[in-house]
């Protein structure tokens, strides 16, 4: 959906590094609908991950 958008690879790196703020900054040039969807899903994933119990 965004593979040809500016800063796509950098945004992916930030995403997998857990740098949500950096991700949001990198996708600012993307069309609103794509940017909104991507950031929404990233936030949902971060919240879900935070709710997981810590491994022993």
N, C-alpha and C. Protein backbone atom coordinates (compact mmCIF):
# COMPACT_ATOMS: atom_id res chain seq x y z
N UNK A 1 0.82 -1.18 0.00
CA UNK A 1 0.00 0.00 0.00
C UNK A 1 0.87 1.25 0.00
N UNK A 2 2.04 1.21 0.58
CA UNK A 2 2.86 2.42 0.67
C UNK A 2 4.29 2.19 0.21
N UNK A 3 4.53 1.08 -0.45
CA UNK A 3 5.89 0.72 -0.83
C UNK A 3 6.59 1.71 -1.73
N UNK A 4 5.83 2.53 -2.44
CA UNK A 4 6.45 3.51 -3.32
C UNK A 4 6.38 4.92 -2.74
N UNK A 5 6.01 5.04 -1.49
CA UNK A 5 5.89 6.35 -0.84
C UNK A 5 7.24 6.80 -0.28
N UNK A 6 7.40 8.13 -0.12
CA UNK A 6 8.67 8.65 0.43
C UNK A 6 8.96 8.08 1.82
N UNK A 7 10.19 7.76 2.05
CA UNK A 7 10.69 7.28 3.36
C UNK A 7 10.10 5.94 3.78
N UNK A 8 9.62 5.16 2.83
CA UNK A 8 8.99 3.87 3.17
C UNK A 8 9.95 2.96 3.94
N UNK A 9 11.16 2.79 3.42
CA UNK A 9 12.09 1.87 4.08
C UNK A 9 12.49 2.37 5.46
N UNK A 10 12.73 3.66 5.58
CA UNK A 10 13.07 4.23 6.87
C UNK A 10 11.92 4.08 7.86
N UNK A 11 10.69 4.26 7.37
CA UNK A 11 9.51 4.10 8.22
C UNK A 11 9.40 2.65 8.71
N UNK A 12 9.68 1.70 7.83
CA UNK A 12 9.65 0.29 8.24
C UNK A 12 10.69 0.00 9.31
N UNK A 13 11.87 0.55 9.14
CA UNK A 13 12.93 0.35 10.15
C UNK A 13 12.50 0.93 11.50
N UNK A 14 11.93 2.13 11.46
CA UNK A 14 11.47 2.76 12.71
C UNK A 14 10.37 1.92 13.34
N UNK A 15 9.46 1.42 12.53
CA UNK A 15 8.37 0.59 13.03
C UNK A 15 8.90 -0.63 13.77
N UNK A 16 9.81 -1.35 13.14
CA UNK A 16 10.31 -2.59 13.75
C UNK A 16 11.25 -2.32 14.92
N UNK A 17 11.77 -1.10 15.00
CA UNK A 17 12.61 -0.72 16.14
C UNK A 17 11.76 -0.20 17.30
N UNK A 18 10.45 -0.09 17.07
CA UNK A 18 9.56 0.40 18.11
C UNK A 18 9.60 1.91 18.29
N UNK A 19 10.11 2.61 17.31
CA UNK A 19 10.22 4.07 17.35
C UNK A 19 8.97 4.67 16.69
N UNK A 20 7.88 4.67 17.44
CA UNK A 20 6.59 5.08 16.90
C UNK A 20 6.58 6.55 16.49
N UNK A 21 7.18 7.40 17.30
CA UNK A 21 7.25 8.82 16.96
C UNK A 21 8.01 9.06 15.68
N UNK A 22 9.12 8.36 15.52
CA UNK A 22 9.92 8.48 14.30
C UNK A 22 9.13 7.97 13.10
N UNK A 23 8.41 6.87 13.28
CA UNK A 23 7.57 6.34 12.22
C UNK A 23 6.55 7.39 11.77
N UNK A 24 5.84 7.97 12.74
CA UNK A 24 4.81 8.97 12.43
C UNK A 24 5.42 10.17 11.70
N UNK A 25 6.61 10.56 12.08
CA UNK A 25 7.28 11.68 11.43
C UNK A 25 7.64 11.34 9.98
N UNK A 26 8.09 10.13 9.75
CA UNK A 26 8.51 9.72 8.41
C UNK A 26 7.36 9.58 7.43
N UNK A 27 6.18 9.29 7.91
CA UNK A 27 5.04 9.09 7.01
C UNK A 27 4.22 10.35 6.77
N UNK A 28 4.67 11.48 7.27
CA UNK A 28 3.91 12.73 7.13
C UNK A 28 3.67 13.12 5.67
N UNK A 29 4.53 12.73 4.75
CA UNK A 29 4.36 13.09 3.34
C UNK A 29 3.40 12.14 2.62
N UNK A 30 2.97 11.08 3.27
CA UNK A 30 2.06 10.13 2.64
C UNK A 30 0.66 10.72 2.57
N UNK A 31 -0.17 10.25 1.63
CA UNK A 31 -1.55 10.72 1.57
C UNK A 31 -2.27 10.47 2.90
N UNK A 32 -3.18 11.35 3.23
CA UNK A 32 -3.85 11.32 4.53
C UNK A 32 -4.42 9.95 4.87
N UNK A 33 -5.16 9.35 3.95
CA UNK A 33 -5.81 8.07 4.26
C UNK A 33 -4.80 6.98 4.58
N UNK A 34 -3.74 6.90 3.80
CA UNK A 34 -2.71 5.88 4.04
C UNK A 34 -1.99 6.16 5.35
N UNK A 35 -1.61 7.42 5.56
CA UNK A 35 -0.91 7.82 6.79
C UNK A 35 -1.77 7.53 8.01
N UNK A 36 -3.04 7.93 7.97
CA UNK A 36 -3.94 7.72 9.09
C UNK A 36 -4.08 6.23 9.41
N UNK A 37 -4.29 5.42 8.40
CA UNK A 37 -4.46 3.98 8.60
C UNK A 37 -3.18 3.37 9.20
N UNK A 38 -2.04 3.72 8.64
CA UNK A 38 -0.78 3.15 9.12
C UNK A 38 -0.53 3.53 10.57
N UNK A 39 -0.69 4.79 10.90
CA UNK A 39 -0.45 5.23 12.27
C UNK A 39 -1.45 4.60 13.23
N UNK A 40 -2.70 4.49 12.82
CA UNK A 40 -3.72 3.85 13.65
C UNK A 40 -3.34 2.41 13.97
N UNK A 41 -2.91 1.67 12.96
CA UNK A 41 -2.55 0.26 13.17
C UNK A 41 -1.29 0.13 14.02
N UNK A 42 -0.34 1.03 13.84
CA UNK A 42 0.87 1.00 14.66
C UNK A 42 0.53 1.26 16.12
N UNK A 43 -0.34 2.23 16.37
CA UNK A 43 -0.74 2.51 17.75
C UNK A 43 -1.49 1.33 18.37
N UNK A 44 -2.37 0.70 17.61
CA UNK A 44 -3.10 -0.47 18.11
C UNK A 44 -2.13 -1.60 18.45
N UNK A 45 -1.15 -1.82 17.59
CA UNK A 45 -0.17 -2.88 17.83
C UNK A 45 0.68 -2.57 19.07
N UNK A 46 1.06 -1.32 19.24
CA UNK A 46 1.85 -0.94 20.41
C UNK A 46 1.06 -1.15 21.69
N UNK A 47 -0.22 -0.80 21.66
CA UNK A 47 -1.08 -1.00 22.84
C UNK A 47 -1.25 -2.49 23.14
N UNK A 48 -1.43 -3.29 22.12
CA UNK A 48 -1.59 -4.73 22.31
C UNK A 48 -0.31 -5.34 22.87
N UNK A 49 0.82 -4.90 22.37
CA UNK A 49 2.10 -5.42 22.86
C UNK A 49 2.33 -5.03 24.31
N UNK A 50 1.96 -3.81 24.66
CA UNK A 50 2.12 -3.35 26.03
C UNK A 50 1.25 -4.14 27.01
N UNK A 51 0.15 -4.67 26.52
CA UNK A 51 -0.77 -5.42 27.38
C UNK A 51 -0.35 -6.87 27.58
N UNK A 52 0.63 -7.34 26.82
CA UNK A 52 1.08 -8.72 26.96
C UNK A 52 1.83 -8.91 28.28
N UNK A 53 1.64 -10.07 28.90
CA UNK A 53 2.39 -10.33 30.13
C UNK A 53 3.88 -10.47 29.81
N UNK A 54 4.70 -10.07 30.73
CA UNK A 54 6.15 -10.17 30.55
C UNK A 54 6.58 -11.63 30.60
N UNK A 55 7.51 -11.98 29.75
CA UNK A 55 8.03 -13.36 29.73
C UNK A 55 8.97 -13.54 30.90
N UNK A 56 8.99 -14.75 31.44
CA UNK A 56 9.89 -15.06 32.57
C UNK A 56 11.27 -15.39 32.09
